Amino acid sequence: MIPFPAAAKVLIAGGATDMRCGMNSLALKVQQGLGRDPHGGELVCFRGRKGDLIEVLFRPKARSLMSPCLNMPTTCRSTASARSTPGAA
């Protein structure tokens, strides 16, 4: 089970949707067809042509990279060195 916030809105897309669509295509349909932000934290349900399948698009709101819960390394050491050989293209 995938947990989602209790305050999340559930949107049901009207009409039939091609179930061969990937998540990026569904996100584009949400953005263009419904005029909503696909990264807005809403659940969007798409129905298949026969009515026996559904696809649910849920992308939680993105966190800022400056969030305190992300532990970023302070230093980075590289042991790799670049060498150039004469005549190599």
N, C-alpha and C. Protein backbone atom coordinates (compact mmCIF):
# COMPACT_ATOMS: atom_id res chain seq x y z
N MET A 1 0.85 -1.16 0.00
CA MET A 1 0.00 0.00 0.00
C MET A 1 0.90 1.23 0.00
N ILE A 2 0.50 2.23 -0.77
CA ILE A 2 1.25 3.47 -0.87
C ILE A 2 0.55 4.52 -0.02
N PRO A 3 1.22 5.03 1.01
CA PRO A 3 0.57 6.04 1.84
C PRO A 3 0.52 7.39 1.12
N PHE A 4 -0.57 8.11 1.30
CA PHE A 4 -0.68 9.45 0.78
C PHE A 4 -1.39 10.31 1.83
N PRO A 5 -1.18 11.61 1.79
CA PRO A 5 -1.76 12.48 2.82
C PRO A 5 -3.28 12.42 2.82
N ALA A 6 -3.86 12.57 4.00
CA ALA A 6 -5.32 12.52 4.12
C ALA A 6 -5.97 13.71 3.43
N ALA A 7 -5.26 14.80 3.28
CA ALA A 7 -5.82 15.99 2.65
C ALA A 7 -5.65 15.99 1.13
N ALA A 8 -5.12 14.93 0.56
CA ALA A 8 -4.89 14.88 -0.89
C ALA A 8 -6.23 14.81 -1.63
N LYS A 9 -6.33 15.57 -2.71
CA LYS A 9 -7.53 15.56 -3.53
C LYS A 9 -7.47 14.40 -4.51
N VAL A 10 -8.62 13.82 -4.82
CA VAL A 10 -8.71 12.73 -5.79
C VAL A 10 -9.50 13.25 -6.98
N LEU A 11 -8.86 13.24 -8.16
CA LEU A 11 -9.51 13.68 -9.39
C LEU A 11 -9.76 12.47 -10.27
N ILE A 12 -10.92 12.40 -10.87
CA ILE A 12 -11.25 11.30 -11.79
C ILE A 12 -11.37 11.89 -13.19
N ALA A 13 -10.49 11.43 -14.07
CA ALA A 13 -10.50 11.92 -15.44
C ALA A 13 -11.66 11.29 -16.19
N GLY A 14 -12.47 12.11 -16.83
CA GLY A 14 -13.61 11.60 -17.58
C GLY A 14 -13.19 11.00 -18.90
N GLY A 15 -13.98 10.08 -19.40
CA GLY A 15 -13.68 9.45 -20.68
C GLY A 15 -12.72 8.29 -20.52
N ALA A 16 -12.44 7.66 -21.64
CA ALA A 16 -11.54 6.50 -21.64
C ALA A 16 -10.12 6.95 -21.94
N THR A 17 -9.18 6.26 -21.33
CA THR A 17 -7.76 6.56 -21.51
C THR A 17 -7.06 5.33 -22.08
N ASP A 18 -6.13 5.54 -22.98
CA ASP A 18 -5.34 4.45 -23.52
C ASP A 18 -4.42 3.94 -22.41
N MET A 19 -4.59 2.69 -22.02
CA MET A 19 -3.82 2.13 -20.91
C MET A 19 -2.37 1.85 -21.28
N ARG A 20 -2.00 2.06 -22.52
CA ARG A 20 -0.60 1.89 -22.93
C ARG A 20 0.23 3.13 -22.62
N CYS A 21 -0.44 4.21 -22.20
CA CYS A 21 0.26 5.45 -21.86
C CYS A 21 1.14 5.25 -20.64
N GLY A 22 2.29 5.86 -20.68
CA GLY A 22 3.19 5.83 -19.52
C GLY A 22 2.87 6.96 -18.57
N MET A 23 3.61 7.03 -17.48
CA MET A 23 3.36 8.05 -16.47
C MET A 23 3.63 9.46 -17.00
N ASN A 24 4.62 9.61 -17.88
CA ASN A 24 4.90 10.93 -18.43
C ASN A 24 3.76 11.40 -19.32
N SER A 25 3.17 10.50 -20.10
CA SER A 25 2.03 10.86 -20.95
C SER A 25 0.82 11.22 -20.12
N LEU A 26 0.60 10.47 -19.03
CA LEU A 26 -0.52 10.79 -18.15
C LEU A 26 -0.32 12.14 -17.47
N ALA A 27 0.92 12.43 -17.08
CA ALA A 27 1.20 13.72 -16.46
C ALA A 27 0.96 14.86 -17.45
N LEU A 28 1.27 14.63 -18.72
CA LEU A 28 1.01 15.64 -19.75
C LEU A 28 -0.49 15.84 -19.94
N LYS A 29 -1.26 14.75 -19.87
CA LYS A 29 -2.72 14.87 -19.98
C LYS A 29 -3.30 15.64 -18.81
N VAL A 30 -2.74 15.45 -17.62
CA VAL A 30 -3.20 16.20 -16.45
C VAL A 30 -2.90 17.67 -16.64
N GLN A 31 -1.72 17.97 -17.14
CA GLN A 31 -1.30 19.36 -17.30
C GLN A 31 -2.09 20.06 -18.40
N GLN A 32 -2.25 19.42 -19.55
CA GLN A 32 -2.92 20.06 -20.67
C GLN A 32 -4.44 19.91 -20.62
N GLY A 33 -4.92 18.71 -20.32
CA GLY A 33 -6.36 18.46 -20.37
C GLY A 33 -7.11 18.98 -19.17
N LEU A 34 -6.56 18.79 -17.97
CA LEU A 34 -7.24 19.20 -16.75
C LEU A 34 -6.78 20.56 -16.25
N GLY A 35 -5.66 21.04 -16.79
CA GLY A 35 -5.13 22.33 -16.35
C GLY A 35 -4.61 22.31 -14.93
N ARG A 36 -4.13 21.16 -14.47
CA ARG A 36 -3.62 21.00 -13.11
C ARG A 36 -2.14 20.71 -13.15
N ASP A 37 -1.50 20.87 -11.99
CA ASP A 37 -0.08 20.56 -11.85
C ASP A 37 0.06 19.08 -11.56
N PRO A 38 0.74 18.30 -12.41
CA PRO A 38 0.88 16.87 -12.15
C PRO A 38 1.75 16.56 -10.94
N HIS A 39 2.51 17.55 -10.46
CA HIS A 39 3.35 17.36 -9.28
C HIS A 39 2.74 18.03 -8.05
N GLY A 40 1.44 18.27 -8.09
CA GLY A 40 0.77 19.02 -7.03
C GLY A 40 0.33 18.20 -5.84
N GLY A 41 0.56 16.90 -5.86
CA GLY A 41 0.17 16.07 -4.73
C GLY A 41 -1.26 15.57 -4.79
N GLU A 42 -1.88 15.62 -5.95
CA GLU A 42 -3.24 15.12 -6.12
C GLU A 42 -3.21 13.73 -6.75
N LEU A 43 -4.18 12.91 -6.42
CA LEU A 43 -4.33 11.60 -7.06
C LEU A 43 -5.24 11.78 -8.27
N VAL A 44 -4.81 11.34 -9.43
CA VAL A 44 -5.61 11.44 -10.64
C VAL A 44 -5.85 10.02 -11.14
N CYS A 45 -7.12 9.65 -11.29
CA CYS A 45 -7.49 8.30 -11.73
C CYS A 45 -7.92 8.35 -13.19
N PHE A 46 -7.37 7.46 -13.98
CA PHE A 46 -7.71 7.32 -15.39
C PHE A 46 -8.37 5.96 -15.60
N ARG A 47 -9.44 5.92 -16.37
CA ARG A 47 -10.21 4.70 -16.63
C ARG A 47 -9.88 4.15 -18.00
N GLY A 48 -9.78 2.84 -18.10
CA GLY A 48 -9.54 2.20 -19.39
C GLY A 48 -10.79 2.17 -20.26
N ARG A 49 -10.63 1.82 -21.52
CA ARG A 49 -11.75 1.83 -22.46
C ARG A 49 -12.86 0.86 -22.05
N LYS A 50 -12.49 -0.34 -21.60
CA LYS A 50 -13.48 -1.33 -21.20
C LYS A 50 -14.06 -1.05 -19.82
N GLY A 51 -13.37 -0.27 -19.03
CA GLY A 51 -13.83 0.03 -17.69
C GLY A 51 -13.35 -0.96 -16.64
N ASP A 52 -12.49 -1.88 -17.03
CA ASP A 52 -12.00 -2.87 -16.07
C ASP A 52 -10.62 -2.54 -15.52
N LEU A 53 -9.97 -1.50 -16.03
CA LEU A 53 -8.64 -1.11 -15.56
C LEU A 53 -8.63 0.37 -15.20
N ILE A 54 -7.82 0.70 -14.21
CA ILE A 54 -7.56 2.11 -13.90
C ILE A 54 -6.07 2.30 -13.72
N GLU A 55 -5.62 3.49 -13.99
CA GLU A 55 -4.25 3.90 -13.69
C GLU A 55 -4.35 5.12 -12.79
N VAL A 56 -3.55 5.13 -11.76
CA VAL A 56 -3.57 6.24 -10.81
C VAL A 56 -2.23 6.95 -10.86
N LEU A 57 -2.28 8.24 -11.07
CA LEU A 57 -1.08 9.07 -11.09
C LEU A 57 -1.02 9.84 -9.78
N PHE A 58 0.05 9.63 -9.03
CA PHE A 58 0.25 10.36 -7.77
C PHE A 58 1.70 10.72 -7.65
N ARG A 59 1.96 11.99 -7.63
CA ARG A 59 3.32 12.48 -7.41
C ARG A 59 3.26 13.48 -6.28
N PRO A 60 3.88 13.16 -5.16
CA PRO A 60 3.85 14.11 -4.04
C PRO A 60 4.57 15.40 -4.39
N LYS A 61 4.23 16.44 -3.67
CA LYS A 61 4.89 17.72 -3.90
C LYS A 61 6.38 17.57 -3.69
N ALA A 62 7.15 18.16 -4.58
CA ALA A 62 8.61 18.03 -4.53
C ALA A 62 9.15 18.82 -3.34
N ARG A 63 10.14 18.25 -2.69
CA ARG A 63 10.81 18.93 -1.58
C ARG A 63 11.94 19.77 -2.13
N SER A 64 12.24 20.80 -1.42
CA SER A 64 13.34 21.66 -1.80
C SER A 64 14.67 20.94 -1.55
N LEU A 65 15.66 21.25 -2.36
CA LEU A 65 16.98 20.66 -2.16
C LEU A 65 17.64 21.19 -0.89
N MET A 66 17.14 22.29 -0.37
CA MET A 66 17.70 22.84 0.85
C MET A 66 16.98 22.31 2.09
N SER A 67 16.20 21.26 1.93
CA SER A 67 15.47 20.67 3.04
C SER A 67 16.45 20.09 4.06
N PRO A 68 16.18 20.24 5.35
CA PRO A 68 17.12 19.74 6.35
C PRO A 68 17.18 18.21 6.43
N CYS A 69 16.24 17.51 5.80
CA CYS A 69 16.25 16.06 5.89
C CYS A 69 17.21 15.42 4.88
N LEU A 70 17.75 16.20 3.96
CA LEU A 70 18.71 15.67 3.00
C LEU A 70 20.13 15.86 3.54
N ASN A 71 20.88 14.79 3.60
CA ASN A 71 22.27 14.86 4.06
C ASN A 71 23.19 14.89 2.86
N MET A 72 23.73 16.04 2.56
CA MET A 72 24.63 16.20 1.43
C MET A 72 26.06 16.13 1.94
N PRO A 73 26.94 15.47 1.20
CA PRO A 73 28.35 15.43 1.63
C PRO A 73 28.97 16.82 1.53
N THR A 74 29.86 17.12 2.47
CA THR A 74 30.47 18.44 2.48
C THR A 74 31.72 18.49 1.61
N THR A 75 32.41 17.38 1.47
CA THR A 75 33.60 17.34 0.62
C THR A 75 33.51 16.15 -0.31
N CYS A 76 34.17 16.27 -1.42
CA CYS A 76 34.19 15.18 -2.40
C CYS A 76 35.61 15.03 -2.90
N ARG A 77 36.18 13.84 -2.71
CA ARG A 77 37.53 13.57 -3.19
C ARG A 77 37.46 12.62 -4.36
N SER A 78 38.20 12.92 -5.37
CA SER A 78 38.22 12.08 -6.55
C SER A 78 39.60 11.46 -6.69
N THR A 79 39.65 10.15 -6.90
CA THR A 79 40.94 9.48 -7.08
C THR A 79 41.23 9.25 -8.56
N ALA A 80 40.28 9.57 -9.41
CA ALA A 80 40.48 9.36 -10.85
C ALA A 80 41.32 10.50 -11.42
N SER A 81 42.14 10.18 -12.36
CA SER A 81 42.93 11.21 -13.03
C SER A 81 42.74 11.05 -14.53
N ALA A 82 42.77 12.16 -15.21
CA ALA A 82 42.59 12.15 -16.67
C ALA A 82 43.97 12.18 -17.33
N ARG A 83 44.17 11.28 -18.24
CA ARG A 83 45.43 11.25 -19.00
C ARG A 83 45.10 11.38 -20.47
N SER A 84 45.94 12.08 -21.15
CA SER A 84 45.77 12.16 -22.60
C SER A 84 46.92 11.43 -23.26
N THR A 85 46.57 10.64 -24.25
CA THR A 85 47.61 9.92 -24.99
C THR A 85 47.78 10.58 -26.33
N PRO A 86 49.01 10.73 -26.76
CA PRO A 86 49.25 11.38 -28.07
C PRO A 86 48.64 10.56 -29.19
N GLY A 87 47.99 11.23 -30.09
CA GLY A 87 47.44 10.57 -31.27
C GLY A 87 46.06 9.95 -31.04
N ALA A 88 45.55 9.96 -29.83
CA ALA A 88 44.22 9.39 -29.58
C ALA A 88 43.17 10.46 -29.87
N ALA A 89 42.09 10.02 -30.52
CA ALA A 89 41.05 10.99 -30.86
C ALA A 89 39.87 10.83 -29.95
